[in-house]
Amino acid sequence: MQIAPGIYSLGQRRGGNVHAAILDDGIGLTLIDALYDTDAHIILNEIKSLGKQVTDLKRIILTHGHRSHLGGLAVLKRLSGATVYSHDWEADIIAGKREAQRVSAFPQKPLQVYPLQLGLALGLAKHPPCPVDQNLKDGDHAGPLAVIHVPGHTPGCLAFYWPERRALFAGDVIATWPEIALGWPGLTLDNKQNRDSVGRLVDVTNAEILCVGHGEPILTGAAETIRGLVDRPSSVRTQAASRRPALQPST
């Protein structure tokens, strides 16, 4: 689904209403995260619907190394030959050489995501491993995107900003499902650090569009929504919810 010129949002219910994005900058396609399913059929179908070939995919950029975002990575790398990028802290996890850091199994809200929390707590649902070709750090650029290090959910979380589109891709440091919030506390390793990272996104971007790892994108007023999450986390939800598009996630 196109949400802005050159920006396409893809989602599926599995993996916690997980979302990815395809960007077309006129030179090649960039994929941010790889959804849950290991056959990558949703992403491959979207590329085809754009009138493109899988070999037009030049970059696969990963926000972090959790299973929900790595499902189709290995298949897409094999079919496209795209360069795979991540923060260096996440690279060994993505390559299957190290487990993702586990979280507590004690239930935390929102309870709709507890199956994912329990899976991470127990080290279940492994992804097909795939080597990372290039590490990214704060201040780098990948295609049209500026790279922002946003630790908290995991130590190597990355967000990406496309200035020409005023579009921010925040990964899991912000969620819009089942409510707009500072991520999911039960799956976040350091919630204070996560809040600080989200605050930094307000300082370094002027985003109109916000795409997140779990939930539908926010299409207008993203910077205001982010600022509200940091300053007034309990009161912003009703205000921000009115900006959410009335869309159903892909299945």
C-alpha atoms as a PDB file:
ATOM      1  CA  MET A   1       0.000   0.000   0.000  1.00  0.00           C
ATOM      2  CA  GLN A   2       1.428   3.368  -0.998  1.00  0.00           C
ATOM      3  CA  ILE A   3       1.309   5.875   1.868  1.00  0.00           C
ATOM      4  CA  ALA A   4       3.378   8.651   0.243  1.00  0.00           C
ATOM      5  CA  PRO A   5       5.344   9.108  -2.992  1.00  0.00           C
ATOM      6  CA  GLY A   6       7.939   6.344  -3.071  1.00  0.00           C
ATOM      7  CA  ILE A   7       6.882   4.839   0.292  1.00  0.00           C
ATOM      8  CA  TYR A   8       4.953   1.575   0.557  1.00  0.00           C
ATOM      9  CA  SER A   9       3.790   0.018   3.834  1.00  0.00           C
ATOM     10  CA  LEU A  10       3.423  -3.755   4.185  1.00  0.00           C
ATOM     11  CA  GLY A  11       1.960  -5.611   7.142  1.00  0.00           C
ATOM     12  CA  GLN A  12       0.743  -8.945   8.423  1.00  0.00           C
ATOM     13  CA  ARG A  13      -1.083 -10.062  11.545  1.00  0.00           C
ATOM     14  CA  ARG A  14       1.522 -12.657  12.454  1.00  0.00           C
ATOM     15  CA  GLY A  15       4.398 -11.322  14.474  1.00  0.00           C
ATOM     16  CA  GLY A  16       2.199  -8.792  16.278  1.00  0.00           C
ATOM     17  CA  ASN A  17       0.702  -6.776  13.427  1.00  0.00           C
ATOM     18  CA  VAL A  18       4.254  -6.444  12.168  1.00  0.00           C
ATOM     19  CA  HIS A  19       5.096  -3.935   9.439  1.00  0.00           C
ATOM     20  CA  ALA A  20       7.848  -3.285   6.935  1.00  0.00           C
ATOM     21  CA  ALA A  21       8.387  -0.588   4.316  1.00  0.00           C
ATOM     22  CA  ILE A  22       9.578  -0.503   0.718  1.00  0.00           C
ATOM     23  CA  LEU A  23      11.127   2.738  -0.516  1.00  0.00           C
ATOM     24  CA  ASP A  24      11.584   3.700  -4.167  1.00  0.00           C
ATOM     25  CA  ASP A  25      13.995   6.623  -4.586  1.00  0.00           C
ATOM     26  CA  GLY A  26      14.058   6.326  -8.384  1.00  0.00           C
ATOM     27  CA  ILE A  27      17.383   4.489  -8.343  1.00  0.00           C
ATOM     28  CA  GLY A  28      16.492   1.235  -6.640  1.00  0.00           C
ATOM     29  CA  LEU A  29      14.299  -0.279  -3.951  1.00  0.00           C
ATOM     30  CA  THR A  30      15.144  -0.256  -0.252  1.00  0.00           C
ATOM     31  CA  LEU A  31      13.378  -2.587   2.193  1.00  0.00           C
ATOM     32  CA  ILE A  32      13.189  -1.750   5.886  1.00  0.00           C
ATOM     33  CA  ASP A  33      12.693  -5.014   7.840  1.00  0.00           C
ATOM     34  CA  ALA A  34      11.483  -8.317   6.422  1.00  0.00           C
ATOM     35  CA  LEU A  35       8.216  -9.215   8.210  1.00  0.00           C
ATOM     36  CA  TYR A  36       7.538 -12.574   9.902  1.00  0.00           C
ATOM     37  CA  ASP A  37       6.901 -15.170   7.209  1.00  0.00           C
ATOM     38  CA  THR A  38      10.020 -16.967   6.059  1.00  0.00           C
ATOM     39  CA  ASP A  39       8.919 -17.244   2.419  1.00  0.00           C
ATOM     40  CA  ALA A  40       8.741 -13.430   2.026  1.00  0.00           C
ATOM     41  CA  HIS A  41       5.609 -13.797  -0.127  1.00  0.00           C
ATOM     42  CA  ILE A  42       4.034 -10.514   1.019  1.00  0.00           C
ATOM     43  CA  ILE A  43       7.159  -8.549   0.151  1.00  0.00           C
ATOM     44  CA  LEU A  44       7.714 -10.360  -3.142  1.00  0.00           C
ATOM     45  CA  ASN A  45       4.098  -9.761  -4.175  1.00  0.00           C
ATOM     46  CA  GLU A  46       4.394  -6.066  -3.331  1.00  0.00           C
ATOM     47  CA  ILE A  47       7.560  -5.707  -5.405  1.00  0.00           C
ATOM     48  CA  LYS A  48       5.784  -7.381  -8.313  1.00  0.00           C
ATOM     49  CA  SER A  49       2.755  -5.090  -7.915  1.00  0.00           C
ATOM     50  CA  LEU A  50       5.088  -2.100  -8.301  1.00  0.00           C
ATOM     51  CA  GLY A  51       6.131  -3.392 -11.707  1.00  0.00           C
ATOM     52  CA  LYS A  52       9.578  -4.228 -10.370  1.00  0.00           C
ATOM     53  CA  GLN A  53      11.768  -7.315 -10.246  1.00  0.00           C
ATOM     54  CA  VAL A  54      13.186  -8.734  -7.023  1.00  0.00           C
ATOM     55  CA  THR A  55      16.626  -7.821  -8.375  1.00  0.00           C
ATOM     56  CA  ASP A  56      15.558  -4.165  -8.187  1.00  0.00           C
ATOM     57  CA  LEU A  57      15.832  -4.548  -4.416  1.00  0.00           C
ATOM     58  CA  LYS A  58      19.236  -3.036  -3.664  1.00  0.00           C
ATOM     59  CA  ARG A  59      19.195  -2.666   0.134  1.00  0.00           C
ATOM     60  CA  ILE A  60      17.620  -4.529   3.044  1.00  0.00           C
ATOM     61  CA  ILE A  61      17.981  -2.433   6.185  1.00  0.00           C
ATOM     62  CA  LEU A  62      17.098  -3.926   9.562  1.00  0.00           C
ATOM     63  CA  THR A  63      15.952  -1.935  12.566  1.00  0.00           C
ATOM     64  CA  HIS A  64      17.004  -4.694  15.002  1.00  0.00           C
ATOM     65  CA  GLY A  65      17.411  -8.432  15.364  1.00  0.00           C
ATOM     66  CA  HIS A  66      14.053  -9.717  16.589  1.00  0.00           C
ATOM     67  CA  ARG A  67      12.291 -12.604  14.877  1.00  0.00           C
ATOM     68  CA  SER A  68       9.225 -10.640  13.742  1.00  0.00           C
ATOM     69  CA  HIS A  69      11.382  -8.503  11.454  1.00  0.00           C
ATOM     70  CA  LEU A  70      13.729 -11.158  10.070  1.00  0.00           C
ATOM     71  CA  GLY A  71      11.407 -13.810   8.653  1.00  0.00           C
ATOM     72  CA  GLY A  72      11.854 -13.203   4.926  1.00  0.00           C
ATOM     73  CA  LEU A  73      15.398 -11.871   5.085  1.00  0.00           C
ATOM     74  CA  ALA A  74      17.320 -14.977   3.992  1.00  0.00           C
ATOM     75  CA  VAL A  75      15.039 -15.637   1.007  1.00  0.00           C
ATOM     76  CA  LEU A  76      15.134 -12.024  -0.118  1.00  0.00           C
ATOM     77  CA  LYS A  77      18.913 -11.887   0.146  1.00  0.00           C
ATOM     78  CA  ARG A  78      19.239 -15.046  -1.929  1.00  0.00           C
ATOM     79  CA  LEU A  79      16.806 -13.915  -4.632  1.00  0.00           C
ATOM     80  CA  SER A  80      17.878 -10.284  -4.905  1.00  0.00           C
ATOM     81  CA  GLY A  81      21.539 -10.143  -3.926  1.00  0.00           C
ATOM     82  CA  ALA A  82      20.682  -6.962  -2.001  1.00  0.00           C
ATOM     83  CA  THR A  83      23.114  -5.540   0.534  1.00  0.00           C
ATOM     84  CA  VAL A  84      21.962  -6.285   4.096  1.00  0.00           C
ATOM     85  CA  TYR A  85      22.531  -3.579   6.724  1.00  0.00           C
ATOM     86  CA  SER A  86      22.189  -3.467  10.512  1.00  0.00           C
ATOM     87  CA  HIS A  87      23.842  -2.047  13.606  1.00  0.00           C
ATOM     88  CA  ASP A  88      26.918  -4.068  14.549  1.00  0.00           C
ATOM     89  CA  TRP A  89      25.404  -5.120  17.911  1.00  0.00           C
ATOM     90  CA  GLU A  90      22.583  -6.875  16.046  1.00  0.00           C
ATOM     91  CA  ALA A  91      24.655  -8.427  13.263  1.00  0.00           C
ATOM     92  CA  ASP A  92      25.605 -11.679  15.039  1.00  0.00           C
ATOM     93  CA  ILE A  93      21.977 -12.238  16.048  1.00  0.00           C
ATOM     94  CA  ILE A  94      20.779 -11.744  12.487  1.00  0.00           C
ATOM     95  CA  ALA A  95      23.493 -14.108  11.234  1.00  0.00           C
ATOM     96  CA  GLY A  96      22.372 -16.789  13.716  1.00  0.00           C
ATOM     97  CA  LYS A  97      25.618 -16.745  15.707  1.00  0.00           C
ATOM     98  CA  ARG A  98      24.080 -15.380  18.920  1.00  0.00           C
ATOM     99  CA  GLU A  99      20.629 -15.428  20.501  1.00  0.00           C
ATOM    100  CA  ALA A 100      18.620 -12.263  20.913  1.00  0.00           C
ATOM    101  CA  GLN A 101      18.800 -11.113  24.520  1.00  0.00           C
ATOM    102  CA  ARG A 102      15.924 -12.616  26.475  1.00  0.00           C
ATOM    103  CA  VAL A 103      13.293 -10.724  28.437  1.00  0.00           C
ATOM    104  CA  SER A 104      11.269 -11.559  31.536  1.00  0.00           C
ATOM    105  CA  ALA A 105       8.345 -13.958  31.132  1.00  0.00           C
ATOM    106  CA  PHE A 106       6.298 -11.987  33.670  1.00  0.00           C
ATOM    107  CA  PRO A 107       3.286 -10.628  31.742  1.00  0.00           C
ATOM    108  CA  GLN A 108       3.216  -6.907  31.019  1.00  0.00           C
ATOM    109  CA  LYS A 109       0.689  -4.801  29.152  1.00  0.00           C
ATOM    110  CA  PRO A 110      -0.429  -4.781  26.430  1.00  0.00           C
ATOM    111  CA  LEU A 111      -1.446  -8.384  26.983  1.00  0.00           C
ATOM    112  CA  GLN A 112      -2.197  -8.860  23.271  1.00  0.00           C
ATOM    113  CA  VAL A 113       1.568  -9.094  22.699  1.00  0.00           C
ATOM    114  CA  TYR A 114       2.292 -11.536  25.517  1.00  0.00           C
ATOM    115  CA  PRO A 115       2.800 -14.496  23.131  1.00  0.00           C
ATOM    116  CA  LEU A 116       5.658 -12.543  21.535  1.00  0.00           C
ATOM    117  CA  GLN A 117       7.059 -11.638  24.950  1.00  0.00           C
ATOM    118  CA  LEU A 118       6.949 -15.266  26.060  1.00  0.00           C
ATOM    119  CA  GLY A 119       8.580 -16.408  22.836  1.00  0.00           C
ATOM    120  CA  LEU A 120      11.452 -13.973  23.353  1.00  0.00           C
ATOM    121  CA  ALA A 121      11.718 -14.943  27.029  1.00  0.00           C
ATOM    122  CA  LEU A 122      12.071 -18.621  26.103  1.00  0.00           C
ATOM    123  CA  GLY A 123      14.168 -18.149  22.965  1.00  0.00           C
ATOM    124  CA  LEU A 124      11.528 -19.632  20.664  1.00  0.00           C
ATOM    125  CA  ALA A 125      10.655 -19.004  16.997  1.00  0.00           C
ATOM    126  CA  LYS A 126      14.088 -18.813  15.416  1.00  0.00           C
ATOM    127  CA  HIS A 127      14.565 -16.952  12.152  1.00  0.00           C
ATOM    128  CA  PRO A 128      16.476 -18.308   9.144  1.00  0.00           C
ATOM    129  CA  PRO A 129      19.936 -16.793   9.619  1.00  0.00           C
ATOM    130  CA  CYS A 130      21.451 -14.394   7.125  1.00  0.00           C
ATOM    131  CA  PRO A 131      24.825 -12.616   7.260  1.00  0.00           C
ATOM    132  CA  VAL A 132      24.899  -8.830   7.488  1.00  0.00           C
ATOM    133  CA  ASP A 133      26.988  -7.211   4.756  1.00  0.00           C
ATOM    134  CA  GLN A 134      27.475  -3.752   6.215  1.00  0.00           C
ATOM    135  CA  ASN A 135      27.145  -2.261   9.689  1.00  0.00           C
ATOM    136  CA  LEU A 136      25.487   1.093  10.273  1.00  0.00           C
ATOM    137  CA  LYS A 137      26.009   3.617  13.051  1.00  0.00           C
ATOM    138  CA  ASP A 138      24.481   6.910  14.091  1.00  0.00           C
ATOM    139  CA  GLY A 139      24.998   9.582  11.428  1.00  0.00           C
ATOM    140  CA  ASP A 140      25.512   7.172   8.530  1.00  0.00           C
ATOM    141  CA  HIS A 141      23.418   7.232   5.367  1.00  0.00           C
ATOM    142  CA  ALA A 142      21.924   4.325   3.448  1.00  0.00           C
ATOM    143  CA  GLY A 143      20.417   5.341   0.146  1.00  0.00           C
ATOM    144  CA  PRO A 144      18.076   8.280   0.852  1.00  0.00           C
ATOM    145  CA  LEU A 145      17.987   7.543   4.587  1.00  0.00           C
ATOM    146  CA  ALA A 146      19.786   9.131   7.512  1.00  0.00           C
ATOM    147  CA  VAL A 147      20.612   6.599  10.231  1.00  0.00           C
ATOM    148  CA  ILE A 148      19.726   7.321  13.871  1.00  0.00           C
ATOM    149  CA  HIS A 149      20.851   5.029  16.698  1.00  0.00           C
ATOM    150  CA  VAL A 150      17.932   4.570  19.115  1.00  0.00           C
ATOM    151  CA  PRO A 151      18.955   2.036  21.792  1.00  0.00           C
ATOM    152  CA  GLY A 152      16.502   0.830  24.392  1.00  0.00           C
ATOM    153  CA  HIS A 153      14.265  -1.795  22.837  1.00  0.00           C
ATOM    154  CA  THR A 154      17.578  -3.480  22.059  1.00  0.00           C
ATOM    155  CA  PRO A 155      21.082  -1.987  22.269  1.00  0.00           C
ATOM    156  CA  GLY A 156      21.451  -1.856  18.483  1.00  0.00           C
ATOM    157  CA  CYS A 157      18.073  -0.471  17.440  1.00  0.00           C
ATOM    158  CA  LEU A 158      18.169   1.876  14.470  1.00  0.00           C
ATOM    159  CA  ALA A 159      15.667   4.380  13.115  1.00  0.00           C
ATOM    160  CA  PHE A 160      15.812   5.928   9.647  1.00  0.00           C
ATOM    161  CA  TYR A 161      14.739   9.338   8.379  1.00  0.00           C
ATOM    162  CA  TRP A 162      14.037  10.308   4.776  1.00  0.00           C
ATOM    163  CA  PRO A 163      14.272  14.120   4.903  1.00  0.00           C
ATOM    164  CA  GLU A 164      12.855  14.754   1.425  1.00  0.00           C
ATOM    165  CA  ARG A 165       9.687  12.852   2.378  1.00  0.00           C
ATOM    166  CA  ARG A 166       9.683  13.909   6.056  1.00  0.00           C
ATOM    167  CA  ALA A 167       9.233  10.198   6.795  1.00  0.00           C
ATOM    168  CA  LEU A 168      10.575   8.492   9.917  1.00  0.00           C
ATOM    169  CA  PHE A 169      10.945   4.709  10.224  1.00  0.00           C
ATOM    170  CA  ALA A 170      11.215   4.055  13.947  1.00  0.00           C
ATOM    171  CA  GLY A 171      11.215   0.275  14.286  1.00  0.00           C
ATOM    172  CA  ASP A 172      10.010  -0.936  17.687  1.00  0.00           C
ATOM    173  CA  VAL A 173      10.925   2.049  19.864  1.00  0.00           C
ATOM    174  CA  ILE A 174       7.374   3.258  19.091  1.00  0.00           C
ATOM    175  CA  ALA A 175       4.316   1.072  18.490  1.00  0.00           C
ATOM    176  CA  THR A 176       0.889   2.015  17.144  1.00  0.00           C
ATOM    177  CA  TRP A 177      -0.736  -1.360  17.906  1.00  0.00           C
ATOM    178  CA  PRO A 178      -2.714  -2.177  19.985  1.00  0.00           C
ATOM    179  CA  GLU A 179      -2.302   1.471  21.062  1.00  0.00           C
ATOM    180  CA  ILE A 180       0.150   4.254  20.337  1.00  0.00           C
ATOM    181  CA  ALA A 181       2.911   3.923  22.916  1.00  0.00           C
ATOM    182  CA  LEU A 182       6.629   4.012  23.635  1.00  0.00           C
ATOM    183  CA  GLY A 183       7.094   0.499  22.338  1.00  0.00           C
ATOM    184  CA  TRP A 184       6.104  -2.596  24.310  1.00  0.00           C
ATOM    185  CA  PRO A 185       7.592  -2.541  27.838  1.00  0.00           C
ATOM    186  CA  GLY A 186       7.679  -6.333  28.204  1.00  0.00           C
ATOM    187  CA  LEU A 187       9.836  -6.738  25.090  1.00  0.00           C
ATOM    188  CA  THR A 188      12.033  -3.687  25.662  1.00  0.00           C
ATOM    189  CA  LEU A 189      15.362  -4.267  27.412  1.00  0.00           C
ATOM    190  CA  ASP A 190      15.740  -0.727  28.797  1.00  0.00           C
ATOM    191  CA  ASN A 191      12.535   1.308  28.883  1.00  0.00           C
ATOM    192  CA  LYS A 192      14.175   4.489  30.204  1.00  0.00           C
ATOM    193  CA  GLN A 193      16.759   4.402  27.445  1.00  0.00           C
ATOM    194  CA  ASN A 194      13.977   3.731  24.942  1.00  0.00           C
ATOM    195  CA  ARG A 195      12.121   6.857  26.095  1.00  0.00           C
ATOM    196  CA  ASP A 196      15.310   8.906  25.808  1.00  0.00           C
ATOM    197  CA  SER A 197      15.851   7.610  22.277  1.00  0.00           C
ATOM    198  CA  VAL A 198      12.316   8.525  21.252  1.00  0.00           C
ATOM    199  CA  GLY A 199      12.901  12.006  22.664  1.00  0.00           C
ATOM    200  CA  ARG A 200      15.957  12.294  20.456  1.00  0.00           C
ATOM    201  CA  LEU A 201      13.836  11.537  17.395  1.00  0.00           C
ATOM    202  CA  VAL A 202      11.886  14.719  18.096  1.00  0.00           C
ATOM    203  CA  ASP A 203      15.136  16.685  18.222  1.00  0.00           C
ATOM    204  CA  VAL A 204      16.710  15.366  15.020  1.00  0.00           C
ATOM    205  CA  THR A 205      13.697  15.005  12.707  1.00  0.00           C
ATOM    206  CA  ASN A 206      10.734  17.031  11.531  1.00  0.00           C
ATOM    207  CA  ALA A 207       8.673  14.022  10.616  1.00  0.00           C
ATOM    208  CA  GLU A 208       5.226  14.223   9.120  1.00  0.00           C
ATOM    209  CA  ILE A 209       4.968  10.464   8.483  1.00  0.00           C
ATOM    210  CA  LEU A 210       5.817   7.788  11.074  1.00  0.00           C
ATOM    211  CA  CYS A 211       6.225   4.118  10.200  1.00  0.00           C
ATOM    212  CA  VAL A 212       6.713   1.655  13.061  1.00  0.00           C
ATOM    213  CA  GLY A 213       7.532  -2.012  13.442  1.00  0.00           C
ATOM    214  CA  HIS A 214       4.160  -2.979  14.896  1.00  0.00           C
ATOM    215  CA  GLY A 215       1.006  -1.203  13.789  1.00  0.00           C
ATOM    216  CA  GLU A 216      -0.222   1.044  11.026  1.00  0.00           C
ATOM    217  CA  PRO A 217       1.724   4.146   9.986  1.00  0.00           C
ATOM    218  CA  ILE A 218       0.779   7.631  11.141  1.00  0.00           C
ATOM    219  CA  LEU A 219       0.383   9.783   8.041  1.00  0.00           C
ATOM    220  CA  THR A 220       0.199  13.305   9.459  1.00  0.00           C
ATOM    221  CA  GLY A 221       1.581  15.146  12.475  1.00  0.00           C
ATOM    222  CA  ALA A 222       4.148  12.501  13.376  1.00  0.00           C
ATOM    223  CA  ALA A 223       6.528  14.871  15.186  1.00  0.00           C
ATOM    224  CA  GLU A 224       3.703  16.120  17.405  1.00  0.00           C
ATOM    225  CA  THR A 225       2.654  12.563  18.202  1.00  0.00           C
ATOM    226  CA  ILE A 226       6.202  11.569  19.118  1.00  0.00           C
ATOM    227  CA  ARG A 227       6.635  14.638  21.310  1.00  0.00           C
ATOM    228  CA  GLY A 228       3.382  13.814  23.061  1.00  0.00           C
ATOM    229  CA  LEU A 229       4.527  10.277  23.782  1.00  0.00           C
ATOM    230  CA  VAL A 230       7.640  11.534  25.495  1.00  0.00           C
ATOM    231  CA  ASP A 231       6.034  14.429  27.400  1.00  0.00           C
ATOM    232  CA  ARG A 232       2.537  13.122  28.144  1.00  0.00           C
ATOM    233  CA  PRO A 233       2.508   9.360  27.577  1.00  0.00           C
ATOM    234  CA  SER A 234      -0.791   8.745  29.344  1.00  0.00           C
ATOM    235  CA  SER A 235      -2.763  11.497  27.614  1.00  0.00           C
ATOM    236  CA  VAL A 236      -1.450  11.377  24.076  1.00  0.00           C
ATOM    237  CA  ARG A 237      -3.095   8.128  23.055  1.00  0.00           C
ATOM    238  CA  THR A 238      -6.537   9.544  22.390  1.00  0.00           C
ATOM    239  CA  GLN A 239      -5.132  12.514  20.467  1.00  0.00           C
ATOM    240  CA  ALA A 240      -2.757  10.408  18.403  1.00  0.00           C
ATOM    241  CA  ALA A 241      -5.299   7.685  17.720  1.00  0.00           C
ATOM    242  CA  SER A 242      -7.361  10.164  15.704  1.00  0.00           C
ATOM    243  CA  ARG A 243      -4.469  10.416  13.237  1.00  0.00           C
ATOM    244  CA  ARG A 244      -4.304   6.682  12.583  1.00  0.00           C
ATOM    245  CA  PRO A 245      -5.614   5.694   9.161  1.00  0.00           C
ATOM    246  CA  ALA A 246      -8.686   3.446   9.159  1.00  0.00           C
ATOM    247  CA  LEU A 247      -6.840   0.592   7.509  1.00  0.00           C
ATOM    248  CA  GLN A 248      -6.647  -3.112   8.135  1.00  0.00           C
ATOM    249  CA  PRO A 249      -3.263  -4.850   8.188  1.00  0.00           C
ATOM    250  CA  SER A 250      -2.449  -7.174   5.352  1.00  0.00           C
ATOM    251  CA  THR A 251      -2.760 -10.873   6.039  1.00  0.00           C
END
